[in-house]
Amino acid sequence: MHSSRIQLIVVAGLLIAVGVGLTLYKAVELGFPLWPGEDRQVWTLESKITFTPGDGPVEVSLALPHPMAGWKLLDENFASAGFGFAVQGQDGERRAVWSRRSMDEKTTLYYKIQLYREQSQPLPAMAPKVVQPPSLPARRQQVVDRLVASLTEKSVDDASFTRLLIAEFVRSQPSQEVTFLLSEHDRKALPAMEEVFAVAGIASQRIKGVYLENGRRRQQVSDLLEVYLGDKKQGDEWLLFDPETGEIGLAENFFIWQRGGGSTLDVIGGNRSRLEFAMVSNSLPAKTVLLMEPEVASAPLLDFSIYALPVEQQGVFKNILLVPIGAFLVVLLRVFVGLRTAGTFMPILIALAFIQTTLVTGLWVFLVVVSIGLWIRSYLSHLNLLLVARVSAVVVVVVLLMAAFSIVSYKLGIDQALTVTFFPTIILSWTIERMSVLWEEEGGKEVFIQGSGSLVVAVATYLLVSNHLIEHLTFNFPELMLSLLGVILVLGQYSGYRLSELYRFRYLKEQVK
């Protein structure tokens, strides 16, 4: 006895641990939402390349993004009708290359991706390149040297130098040196700042990307500047800012297309090339977005799961996975409360039928069918039929009753009553047969007690399994059924008083006092 109890505890503990462990793995490692209704903002970003071809061969090369800062790439598509196409990788950078021997008219090439931001993350560490002093005209060299000397005197390190330089360029009335440099670069701050950093021996690089705004079209590439501030605990710290506004940091809606590297678009054999972006945002369920991720969809736990089944079969299992929840509730109400029901599974199946019929409609249909069935069953008992024939006759009667209900409700325009067909016919027939035998052996009181208990359990089960959180957890985390099985095994060892028995023996307690 003691050995079997230990085995039960070990088995139940393992089941609970495995179920909870797999659930936490899916929630933490794979990112499955524990709460229903969670959405993800998915962006569809389309880049359009237009150019006018020349007389000879044409080759178009586009730098492809490598998502960072918490962005996840879900899908990418290329439109290259009539072109040779290949994706090439070099120095850690991917580029899409379209080629064609000859062209006669202006053409357009497309590259489309779907992405979403899981969470904000810092940019990965990156070692700086060796700074090469630029070769500048004498006049510009003198101005840059003077500006660098002035900022160096006022700063203590590269970080303070960078912040002072940003402040100089965003002032409403910039200094003479800054005004001169802006005039030399067509009022563009980015190339002017790059020259100053290069002369000061501070490594810098461009970050090219797109500001994501829902519904925007013909968006151009935006440039940010990233400055190397030194090896902060071997983390290669960089400071990123917008050279036009001076704002420091990466905006939430900025998608990095290219960090450092060469040009974004190269067109050989064409002219008047242009790169534009169009974008649109959609909210999708978090689970749908996760299953679109290649690394998540190929995870072994999902590859051999309900998600691998056809959608039709998934819908079937969505209801089947609610049955263990009903079984758990039956155990609680029968073992701890002491409710008596007409069988164990009948209340669960009736509760699942209530989900389709709604509670009120399901209750009155159930009561009417069972009441009429009991009356007809009492008549059949006088015919001295065998058990098999008697039950078969009740099945036929129940089917006829359900058909009659459907026809009458359709004629009366009561559409909700048409869902009577969702009731399990065999269970109803056996319920009628069981209650009839119980009436003959125990009397009408016991029939009322077990029938009422069955309805109470069915209603309680319906209220539980129709909860959105329960539906979400059972379908998306079926591993929890293992933990539920472990709990049921533990509850099966309970042999104490039920709540109904405590009420029954309440007078003994008063006598003891």
Protein backbone atom coordinates (compact mmCIF):
# COMPACT_ATOMS: atom_id res chain seq x y z
CA MET A 1 0.00 0.00 0.00
CA HIS A 2 2.80 2.36 0.96
CA SER A 3 4.74 1.43 -2.22
CA SER A 4 1.80 2.16 -4.52
CA ARG A 5 1.30 5.55 -2.87
CA ILE A 6 4.94 6.46 -3.47
CA GLN A 7 4.64 5.35 -7.11
CA LEU A 8 1.55 7.50 -7.52
CA ILE A 9 3.27 10.56 -6.08
CA VAL A 10 6.32 10.03 -8.33
CA VAL A 11 4.23 9.52 -11.48
CA ALA A 12 1.95 12.48 -10.69
CA GLY A 13 4.94 14.69 -9.91
CA LEU A 14 6.64 13.79 -13.20
CA LEU A 15 3.46 14.47 -15.18
CA ILE A 16 2.97 17.85 -13.53
CA ALA A 17 6.64 18.80 -13.99
CA VAL A 18 6.71 17.76 -17.68
CA GLY A 19 3.46 19.59 -18.46
CA VAL A 20 4.50 22.81 -16.74
CA GLY A 21 8.03 22.58 -18.17
CA LEU A 22 6.87 22.24 -21.77
CA THR A 23 4.40 25.07 -21.27
CA LEU A 24 7.10 27.38 -19.92
CA TYR A 25 9.39 26.40 -22.81
CA LYS A 26 6.76 27.42 -25.36
CA ALA A 27 5.94 30.62 -23.48
CA VAL A 28 9.47 31.78 -22.63
CA GLU A 29 11.68 30.27 -25.33
CA LEU A 30 9.31 30.25 -28.31
CA GLY A 31 7.31 33.30 -27.22
CA PHE A 32 3.79 31.85 -27.25
CA PRO A 33 1.38 34.19 -25.40
CA LEU A 34 -0.08 32.89 -22.15
CA TRP A 35 -3.05 35.25 -22.41
CA PRO A 36 -5.63 35.31 -25.20
CA GLY A 37 -6.09 38.36 -27.37
CA GLU A 38 -2.41 39.33 -27.60
CA ASP A 39 -1.58 40.92 -30.95
CA ARG A 40 1.57 41.84 -32.83
CA GLN A 41 2.00 44.79 -35.15
CA VAL A 42 3.23 43.29 -38.42
CA TRP A 43 4.67 45.60 -41.05
CA THR A 44 4.68 44.87 -44.76
CA LEU A 45 7.55 46.86 -46.28
CA GLU A 46 7.94 46.98 -50.03
CA SER A 47 10.97 48.47 -51.75
CA LYS A 48 10.63 49.60 -55.35
CA ILE A 49 13.61 50.08 -57.65
CA THR A 50 13.09 52.14 -60.80
CA PHE A 51 15.71 53.03 -63.40
CA THR A 52 16.13 53.78 -67.07
CA PRO A 53 18.25 51.15 -68.87
CA GLY A 54 21.17 51.98 -71.14
CA ASP A 55 22.25 50.26 -74.33
CA GLY A 56 24.14 47.29 -72.86
CA PRO A 57 23.72 44.70 -70.11
CA VAL A 58 22.03 45.72 -66.86
CA GLU A 59 22.91 44.62 -63.34
CA VAL A 60 21.05 45.83 -60.24
CA SER A 61 22.36 45.10 -56.75
CA LEU A 62 20.33 45.85 -53.60
CA ALA A 63 21.59 45.43 -50.03
CA LEU A 64 19.19 43.20 -48.10
CA PRO A 65 18.38 43.96 -44.46
CA HIS A 66 19.60 41.91 -41.53
CA PRO A 67 17.00 42.60 -38.81
CA MET A 68 18.42 43.84 -35.51
CA ALA A 69 17.36 45.89 -32.47
CA GLY A 70 14.57 43.40 -31.73
CA TRP A 71 13.06 43.20 -35.24
CA LYS A 72 12.06 39.79 -36.61
CA LEU A 73 11.87 38.96 -40.32
CA LEU A 74 8.84 36.78 -41.15
CA ASP A 75 8.90 36.55 -44.94
CA GLU A 76 10.56 38.05 -47.99
CA ASN A 77 9.64 38.02 -51.68
CA PHE A 78 11.38 39.16 -54.85
CA ALA A 79 9.77 40.29 -58.11
CA SER A 80 12.18 39.77 -61.00
CA ALA A 81 10.19 38.85 -64.11
CA GLY A 82 12.48 38.62 -67.13
CA PHE A 83 15.65 39.00 -65.04
CA GLY A 84 18.23 36.59 -63.84
CA PHE A 85 18.17 36.66 -60.07
CA ALA A 86 20.43 35.54 -57.21
CA VAL A 87 21.04 36.34 -53.56
CA GLN A 88 24.73 36.74 -52.86
CA GLY A 89 26.56 36.95 -49.54
CA GLN A 90 29.84 38.71 -48.97
CA ASP A 91 31.50 39.97 -45.76
CA GLY A 92 28.39 39.16 -43.75
CA GLU A 93 26.15 41.19 -46.05
CA ARG A 94 23.42 39.81 -48.29
CA ARG A 95 22.65 41.45 -51.62
CA ALA A 96 19.96 40.73 -54.18
CA VAL A 97 21.32 40.85 -57.73
CA TRP A 98 19.10 41.19 -60.83
CA SER A 99 20.75 40.90 -64.24
CA ARG A 100 19.70 41.09 -67.88
CA ARG A 101 21.63 41.22 -71.12
CA SER A 102 19.62 44.01 -72.69
CA MET A 103 16.56 46.18 -72.04
CA ASP A 104 14.56 48.63 -74.12
CA GLU A 105 12.34 50.50 -71.67
CA LYS A 106 12.13 51.73 -68.08
CA THR A 107 11.44 48.95 -65.59
CA THR A 108 10.60 48.38 -61.91
CA LEU A 109 11.90 45.74 -59.52
CA TYR A 110 10.32 44.88 -56.17
CA TYR A 111 11.52 43.41 -52.90
CA LYS A 112 8.91 42.89 -50.15
CA ILE A 113 9.34 41.77 -46.54
CA GLN A 114 7.09 41.19 -43.53
CA LEU A 115 8.50 41.95 -40.12
CA TYR A 116 7.54 42.86 -36.57
CA ARG A 117 9.35 44.12 -33.50
CA GLU A 118 9.32 41.59 -30.68
CA GLN A 119 10.95 43.92 -28.16
CA SER A 120 13.44 46.76 -28.07
CA GLN A 121 17.01 45.49 -27.96
CA PRO A 122 20.39 47.24 -28.17
CA LEU A 123 22.35 46.96 -31.36
CA PRO A 124 24.90 44.14 -31.42
CA ALA A 125 28.49 44.96 -30.59
CA MET A 126 30.61 45.90 -33.58
CA ALA A 127 34.32 46.61 -33.81
CA PRO A 128 35.21 49.96 -35.44
CA LYS A 129 37.17 50.28 -38.64
CA VAL A 130 40.49 52.06 -38.82
CA VAL A 131 39.96 55.80 -39.30
CA GLN A 132 41.55 57.18 -42.46
CA PRO A 133 42.20 60.97 -42.39
CA PRO A 134 40.27 62.55 -45.27
CA SER A 135 41.94 64.55 -48.04
CA LEU A 136 40.21 67.94 -47.98
CA PRO A 137 40.71 71.22 -49.81
CA ALA A 138 43.02 73.57 -47.93
CA ARG A 139 40.30 76.04 -46.89
CA ARG A 140 37.96 73.32 -45.63
CA GLN A 141 40.84 71.55 -43.87
CA GLN A 142 41.65 74.70 -41.93
CA VAL A 143 38.00 75.16 -40.85
CA VAL A 144 37.67 71.52 -39.75
CA ASP A 145 40.99 71.66 -37.83
CA ARG A 146 39.88 74.82 -36.05
CA LEU A 147 36.53 73.27 -35.09
CA VAL A 148 38.16 70.05 -33.89
CA ALA A 149 40.67 71.98 -31.77
CA SER A 150 37.90 74.07 -30.20
CA LEU A 151 35.74 71.04 -29.31
CA THR A 152 38.72 69.02 -28.07
CA GLU A 153 39.62 71.77 -25.64
CA LYS A 154 36.08 71.83 -24.23
CA SER A 155 35.64 68.02 -24.00
CA VAL A 156 37.17 65.29 -21.85
CA ASP A 157 36.64 62.24 -24.05
CA ASP A 158 35.11 61.11 -27.34
CA ALA A 159 31.61 60.98 -25.83
CA SER A 160 31.64 64.62 -24.69
CA PHE A 161 33.28 65.64 -28.00
CA THR A 162 30.45 63.98 -29.91
CA ARG A 163 27.73 65.65 -27.84
CA LEU A 164 29.36 69.06 -28.24
CA LEU A 165 29.58 68.57 -32.01
CA ILE A 166 25.90 67.59 -32.17
CA ALA A 167 25.00 70.72 -30.20
CA GLU A 168 27.01 72.86 -32.63
CA PHE A 169 25.13 71.54 -35.66
CA VAL A 170 21.61 71.81 -34.21
CA ARG A 171 21.97 75.33 -32.81
CA SER A 172 19.60 77.92 -34.23
CA GLN A 173 22.61 80.17 -34.90
CA PRO A 174 25.57 77.86 -35.64
CA SER A 175 29.16 79.01 -35.50
CA GLN A 176 31.03 80.30 -38.56
CA GLU A 177 32.88 77.00 -38.94
CA VAL A 178 29.67 74.95 -38.95
CA THR A 179 27.96 77.39 -41.33
CA PHE A 180 30.87 77.09 -43.74
CA LEU A 181 30.87 73.27 -43.62
CA LEU A 182 27.11 73.10 -44.22
CA SER A 183 27.45 75.38 -47.25
CA GLU A 184 30.16 73.09 -48.61
CA HIS A 185 27.80 70.07 -48.38
CA ASP A 186 24.51 71.56 -49.66
CA ARG A 187 23.20 72.17 -46.11
CA LYS A 188 23.52 68.46 -45.26
CA ALA A 189 24.85 67.87 -41.76
CA LEU A 190 25.74 64.18 -42.15
CA PRO A 191 28.75 64.44 -44.54
CA ALA A 192 30.01 67.50 -42.69
CA MET A 193 29.96 65.66 -39.35
CA GLU A 194 31.69 62.64 -40.90
CA GLU A 195 34.56 64.88 -41.99
CA VAL A 196 34.93 66.35 -38.50
CA PHE A 197 34.94 62.92 -36.85
CA ALA A 198 37.48 61.58 -39.36
CA VAL A 199 39.86 64.50 -38.74
CA ALA A 200 39.43 64.03 -34.98
CA GLY A 201 40.33 60.35 -35.35
CA ILE A 202 36.94 59.13 -34.11
CA ALA A 203 35.40 56.18 -35.94
CA SER A 204 31.91 56.71 -37.32
CA GLN A 205 29.58 54.93 -39.72
CA ARG A 206 26.23 55.47 -41.34
CA ILE A 207 23.06 53.58 -40.52
CA LYS A 208 20.55 53.51 -43.33
CA GLY A 209 16.94 52.66 -42.73
CA VAL A 210 13.30 53.59 -43.01
CA TYR A 211 10.89 55.30 -40.63
CA LEU A 212 7.82 53.05 -40.52
CA GLU A 213 4.59 55.02 -40.85
CA ASN A 214 1.37 53.20 -41.70
CA GLY A 215 0.18 53.87 -45.25
CA ARG A 216 3.25 55.86 -46.33
CA ARG A 217 4.36 55.63 -49.96
CA ARG A 218 7.47 56.77 -51.79
CA GLN A 219 9.47 56.86 -48.59
CA GLN A 220 13.19 57.53 -49.03
CA VAL A 221 16.12 55.99 -47.19
CA SER A 222 16.97 57.91 -44.01
CA ASP A 223 20.52 58.17 -42.65
CA LEU A 224 21.61 58.12 -39.03
CA LEU A 225 25.16 58.46 -37.76
CA GLU A 226 26.82 56.09 -35.32
CA VAL A 227 29.97 57.19 -33.49
CA TYR A 228 32.37 54.88 -31.68
CA LEU A 229 32.93 56.00 -28.08
CA GLY A 230 35.42 53.38 -27.00
CA ASP A 231 35.61 49.88 -25.60
CA LYS A 232 33.25 50.08 -22.63
CA LYS A 233 33.91 46.81 -20.78
CA GLN A 234 34.71 45.20 -24.15
CA GLY A 235 31.22 46.02 -25.39
CA ASP A 236 32.27 48.35 -28.21
CA GLU A 237 30.00 51.23 -27.24
CA TRP A 238 28.52 53.32 -30.02
CA LEU A 239 26.43 56.48 -29.88
CA LEU A 240 23.66 56.72 -32.47
CA PHE A 241 21.94 59.97 -33.37
CA ASP A 242 20.06 61.76 -36.12
CA PRO A 243 22.43 64.32 -37.68
CA GLU A 244 19.55 66.53 -38.85
CA THR A 245 17.71 66.86 -35.52
CA GLY A 246 20.43 65.89 -33.04
CA GLU A 247 18.13 63.35 -31.34
CA ILE A 248 20.17 60.61 -29.68
CA GLY A 249 19.08 56.96 -29.80
CA LEU A 250 17.13 54.74 -32.15
CA ALA A 251 13.47 55.62 -32.70
CA GLU A 252 10.94 52.84 -32.07
CA ASN A 253 9.60 53.08 -35.62
CA PHE A 254 13.00 53.12 -37.34
CA PHE A 255 13.87 49.91 -39.17
CA ILE A 256 17.58 49.52 -39.87
CA TRP A 257 18.16 48.43 -43.44
CA GLN A 258 21.94 48.63 -43.50
CA ARG A 259 24.53 49.26 -40.78
CA GLY A 260 27.83 50.46 -42.15
CA GLY A 261 28.87 48.68 -45.32
CA GLY A 262 28.80 50.03 -48.84
CA SER A 263 26.06 51.45 -50.98
CA THR A 264 22.44 50.37 -50.60
CA LEU A 265 21.65 50.30 -54.33
CA ASP A 266 23.99 49.85 -57.31
CA VAL A 267 22.75 49.98 -60.90
CA ILE A 268 25.21 49.12 -63.66
CA GLY A 269 24.05 49.78 -67.22
CA GLY A 270 21.26 52.16 -66.19
CA ASN A 271 20.67 55.71 -65.04
CA ARG A 272 18.18 57.78 -63.04
CA SER A 273 17.85 54.93 -60.55
CA ARG A 274 15.59 55.43 -57.55
CA LEU A 275 14.83 53.41 -54.40
CA GLU A 276 11.48 54.02 -52.71
CA PHE A 277 9.55 52.30 -49.96
CA ALA A 278 5.87 51.74 -49.31
CA MET A 279 4.59 50.30 -46.05
CA VAL A 280 1.43 49.18 -44.29
CA SER A 281 0.79 47.90 -40.78
CA ASN A 282 -1.57 45.12 -39.64
CA SER A 283 -2.40 43.67 -36.22
CA LEU A 284 -2.26 39.87 -36.19
CA PRO A 285 -2.72 37.38 -33.34
CA ALA A 286 0.55 36.72 -31.57
CA LYS A 287 0.33 32.97 -32.21
CA THR A 288 -0.16 33.50 -35.94
CA VAL A 289 2.90 35.74 -36.09
CA LEU A 290 5.04 33.27 -34.17
CA LEU A 291 4.09 30.39 -36.47
CA MET A 292 5.24 32.54 -39.40
CA GLU A 293 8.76 32.68 -37.99
CA PRO A 294 10.88 29.97 -39.70
CA GLU A 295 12.89 29.10 -36.58
CA VAL A 296 9.75 28.77 -34.43
CA ALA A 297 7.70 26.84 -36.99
CA SER A 298 10.50 24.29 -37.37
CA ALA A 299 10.89 23.69 -33.62
CA PRO A 300 10.47 19.95 -32.83
CA LEU A 301 7.79 20.66 -30.22
CA LEU A 302 5.65 22.35 -32.90
CA ASP A 303 6.59 20.08 -35.78
CA PHE A 304 4.96 17.16 -33.93
CA SER A 305 2.02 19.02 -32.46
CA ILE A 306 -1.59 19.92 -33.19
CA TYR A 307 -0.39 22.84 -35.35
CA ALA A 308 0.97 20.30 -37.86
CA LEU A 309 -2.54 18.94 -38.49
CA PRO A 310 -4.90 20.26 -41.18
CA VAL A 311 -7.03 23.19 -40.05
CA GLU A 312 -10.19 21.06 -40.06
CA GLN A 313 -8.63 18.55 -37.67
CA GLN A 314 -7.34 21.35 -35.48
CA GLY A 315 -10.93 22.54 -35.07
CA VAL A 316 -11.97 19.07 -33.91
CA PHE A 317 -9.18 18.90 -31.35
CA LYS A 318 -10.09 22.36 -30.08
CA ASN A 319 -13.25 20.83 -28.60
CA ILE A 320 -11.72 17.48 -27.65
CA LEU A 321 -9.05 19.20 -25.54
CA LEU A 322 -11.81 20.68 -23.38
CA VAL A 323 -12.92 17.21 -22.23
CA PRO A 324 -10.07 16.82 -19.65
CA ILE A 325 -11.11 20.15 -18.10
CA GLY A 326 -14.63 18.78 -17.67
CA ALA A 327 -13.26 15.52 -16.24
CA PHE A 328 -11.22 17.50 -13.70
CA LEU A 329 -14.32 19.44 -12.65
CA VAL A 330 -16.32 16.21 -12.33
CA VAL A 331 -13.62 14.83 -10.00
CA LEU A 332 -13.76 17.94 -7.83
CA LEU A 333 -17.54 18.04 -7.58
CA ARG A 334 -17.98 14.31 -7.00
CA VAL A 335 -15.00 13.59 -4.75
CA PHE A 336 -14.92 16.77 -2.67
CA VAL A 337 -18.49 18.10 -2.88
CA GLY A 338 -20.29 14.78 -3.16
CA LEU A 339 -22.60 15.54 -6.07
CA ARG A 340 -24.15 12.45 -7.62
CA THR A 341 -24.44 12.39 -11.41
CA ALA A 342 -25.88 10.04 -14.01
CA GLY A 343 -22.50 8.72 -15.11
CA THR A 344 -19.13 10.43 -15.39
CA PHE A 345 -18.91 11.55 -19.02
CA MET A 346 -22.52 12.45 -19.66
CA PRO A 347 -22.28 15.87 -17.91
CA ILE A 348 -19.09 16.66 -19.85
CA LEU A 349 -20.61 15.87 -23.24
CA ILE A 350 -23.77 17.79 -22.40
CA ALA A 351 -21.59 20.78 -21.44
CA LEU A 352 -19.79 20.60 -24.81
CA ALA A 353 -23.22 20.56 -26.49
CA PHE A 354 -24.13 23.69 -24.51
CA ILE A 355 -21.18 25.46 -26.14
CA GLN A 356 -22.87 25.03 -29.53
CA THR A 357 -26.47 25.60 -28.42
CA THR A 358 -25.87 28.27 -25.73
CA LEU A 359 -26.75 27.51 -22.13
CA VAL A 360 -30.42 28.52 -21.96
CA THR A 361 -31.43 26.82 -25.23
CA GLY A 362 -29.45 23.71 -24.38
CA LEU A 363 -31.03 23.38 -20.93
CA TRP A 364 -34.66 23.46 -22.04
CA VAL A 365 -34.00 21.19 -25.04
CA PHE A 366 -32.25 18.69 -22.77
CA LEU A 367 -35.06 18.76 -20.19
CA VAL A 368 -37.80 18.38 -22.79
CA VAL A 369 -36.10 15.53 -24.68
CA VAL A 370 -35.23 13.60 -21.51
CA SER A 371 -38.72 14.12 -20.04
CA ILE A 372 -40.46 12.86 -23.19
CA GLY A 373 -37.94 10.05 -23.49
CA LEU A 374 -38.61 8.92 -19.90
CA TRP A 375 -42.36 8.84 -20.56
CA ILE A 376 -41.89 6.75 -23.73
CA ARG A 377 -39.38 4.51 -21.94
CA SER A 378 -41.91 3.81 -19.18
CA TYR A 379 -44.36 2.67 -21.84
CA LEU A 380 -41.75 0.42 -23.49
CA SER A 381 -41.03 -1.25 -20.13
CA HIS A 382 -44.57 -2.70 -20.19
CA LEU A 383 -43.81 -4.46 -23.49
CA ASN A 384 -41.15 -6.68 -21.87
CA LEU A 385 -38.48 -5.93 -24.49
CA LEU A 386 -34.88 -7.10 -24.27
CA LEU A 387 -32.27 -4.53 -23.18
CA VAL A 388 -30.71 -4.15 -26.64
CA ALA A 389 -34.04 -3.69 -28.34
CA ARG A 390 -35.25 -1.30 -25.64
CA VAL A 391 -32.18 0.93 -25.89
CA SER A 392 -32.32 0.87 -29.69
CA ALA A 393 -35.97 1.91 -29.56
CA VAL A 394 -35.06 4.82 -27.25
CA VAL A 395 -32.32 5.88 -29.70
CA VAL A 396 -34.84 5.99 -32.55
CA VAL A 397 -37.29 7.97 -30.42
CA VAL A 398 -34.58 10.48 -29.41
CA VAL A 399 -33.54 10.99 -33.04
CA LEU A 400 -37.18 11.53 -34.05
CA LEU A 401 -37.65 14.00 -31.21
CA MET A 402 -34.56 15.96 -32.21
CA ALA A 403 -35.67 16.01 -35.85
CA ALA A 404 -39.11 17.21 -34.79
CA PHE A 405 -37.59 19.98 -32.69
CA SER A 406 -35.45 21.14 -35.59
CA ILE A 407 -38.36 21.21 -38.06
CA VAL A 408 -40.74 22.99 -35.72
CA SER A 409 -38.13 25.54 -34.64
CA TYR A 410 -37.24 26.23 -38.30
CA LYS A 411 -40.88 26.83 -39.16
CA LEU A 412 -41.28 29.14 -36.17
CA GLY A 413 -38.07 31.01 -37.03
CA ILE A 414 -36.27 29.98 -33.84
CA ASP A 415 -32.81 29.47 -35.35
CA GLN A 416 -31.10 28.82 -32.02
CA ALA A 417 -33.15 25.65 -31.44
CA LEU A 418 -31.76 24.17 -34.66
CA THR A 419 -28.52 23.47 -32.79
CA VAL A 420 -30.28 20.62 -30.95
CA THR A 421 -28.45 18.28 -33.34
CA PHE A 422 -25.21 18.97 -31.44
CA PHE A 423 -26.48 16.93 -28.51
CA PRO A 424 -24.88 13.45 -28.37
CA THR A 425 -27.80 11.20 -29.30
CA ILE A 426 -26.40 8.00 -27.80
CA ILE A 427 -25.61 9.72 -24.51
CA LEU A 428 -29.14 11.08 -24.31
CA SER A 429 -30.53 7.63 -25.03
CA TRP A 430 -28.40 5.98 -22.37
CA THR A 431 -29.28 8.76 -19.93
CA ILE A 432 -32.97 8.06 -20.47
CA GLU A 433 -32.40 4.32 -20.08
CA ARG A 434 -30.27 4.77 -16.94
CA MET A 435 -32.77 7.11 -15.30
CA SER A 436 -35.65 4.76 -16.13
CA VAL A 437 -33.91 1.82 -14.46
CA LEU A 438 -32.96 4.05 -11.55
CA TRP A 439 -36.62 5.13 -11.22
CA GLU A 440 -37.74 1.53 -11.04
CA GLU A 441 -35.04 0.54 -8.53
CA GLU A 442 -34.55 3.65 -6.36
CA GLY A 443 -37.58 5.80 -7.05
CA GLY A 444 -38.16 9.24 -8.48
CA LYS A 445 -36.21 11.01 -5.72
CA GLU A 446 -32.92 9.42 -6.73
CA VAL A 447 -33.63 10.24 -10.39
CA PHE A 448 -34.18 13.87 -9.42
CA ILE A 449 -30.94 13.95 -7.34
CA GLN A 450 -28.73 12.42 -10.04
CA GLY A 451 -30.40 14.37 -12.84
CA SER A 452 -30.03 17.66 -10.96
CA GLY A 453 -26.42 16.80 -10.09
CA SER A 454 -25.68 16.06 -13.75
CA LEU A 455 -27.14 19.38 -14.83
CA VAL A 456 -25.22 21.28 -12.14
CA VAL A 457 -21.95 19.65 -13.25
CA ALA A 458 -22.80 20.26 -16.93
CA VAL A 459 -23.56 23.95 -16.31
CA ALA A 460 -20.41 24.41 -14.21
CA THR A 461 -18.33 22.67 -16.88
CA TYR A 462 -19.87 24.84 -19.58
CA LEU A 463 -19.07 28.04 -17.67
CA LEU A 464 -15.48 26.85 -17.20
CA VAL A 465 -14.67 25.60 -20.71
CA SER A 466 -16.37 28.57 -22.41
CA ASN A 467 -13.91 30.91 -20.72
CA HIS A 468 -11.55 32.44 -23.30
CA LEU A 469 -8.49 31.86 -21.15
CA ILE A 470 -9.29 28.14 -20.74
CA GLU A 471 -9.92 27.76 -24.50
CA HIS A 472 -6.65 29.54 -25.24
CA LEU A 473 -4.54 27.49 -22.81
CA THR A 474 -5.99 24.08 -23.74
CA PHE A 475 -5.47 24.56 -27.47
CA ASN A 476 -2.15 26.41 -27.48
CA PHE A 477 -0.64 24.57 -24.52
CA PRO A 478 -2.04 21.01 -24.67
CA GLU A 479 0.99 19.96 -22.60
CA LEU A 480 -0.94 21.24 -19.59
CA MET A 481 -3.15 18.15 -19.94
CA LEU A 482 -0.23 16.14 -18.53
CA SER A 483 -0.15 18.36 -15.45
CA LEU A 484 -3.93 18.08 -15.17
CA LEU A 485 -3.64 14.28 -15.32
CA GLY A 486 -1.09 14.39 -12.50
CA VAL A 487 -3.44 16.50 -10.36
CA ILE A 488 -6.36 14.12 -11.03
CA LEU A 489 -4.20 11.16 -9.94
CA VAL A 490 -3.39 12.94 -6.70
CA LEU A 491 -7.05 13.81 -6.09
CA GLY A 492 -7.93 10.16 -6.69
CA GLN A 493 -6.23 9.29 -3.40
CA TYR A 494 -8.58 11.46 -1.37
CA SER A 495 -10.72 9.44 1.05
CA GLY A 496 -11.89 12.08 3.51
CA TYR A 497 -15.31 13.60 4.08
CA ARG A 498 -17.17 15.27 1.28
CA LEU A 499 -18.85 18.63 1.78
CA SER A 500 -22.28 17.04 1.47
CA GLU A 501 -21.36 14.54 4.20
CA LEU A 502 -20.26 17.32 6.52
CA TYR A 503 -23.69 18.85 6.10
CA ARG A 504 -25.34 15.45 6.58
CA PHE A 505 -23.54 14.79 9.87
CA ARG A 506 -23.84 18.33 11.20
CA TYR A 507 -26.08 17.14 14.06
CA LEU A 508 -23.36 14.77 15.31
CA LYS A 509 -21.07 17.74 15.68
CA GLU A 510 -23.66 19.52 17.82
CA GLN A 511 -24.10 16.40 20.00
CA VAL A 512 -20.33 16.16 20.57
CA LYS A 513 -20.34 19.71 21.85
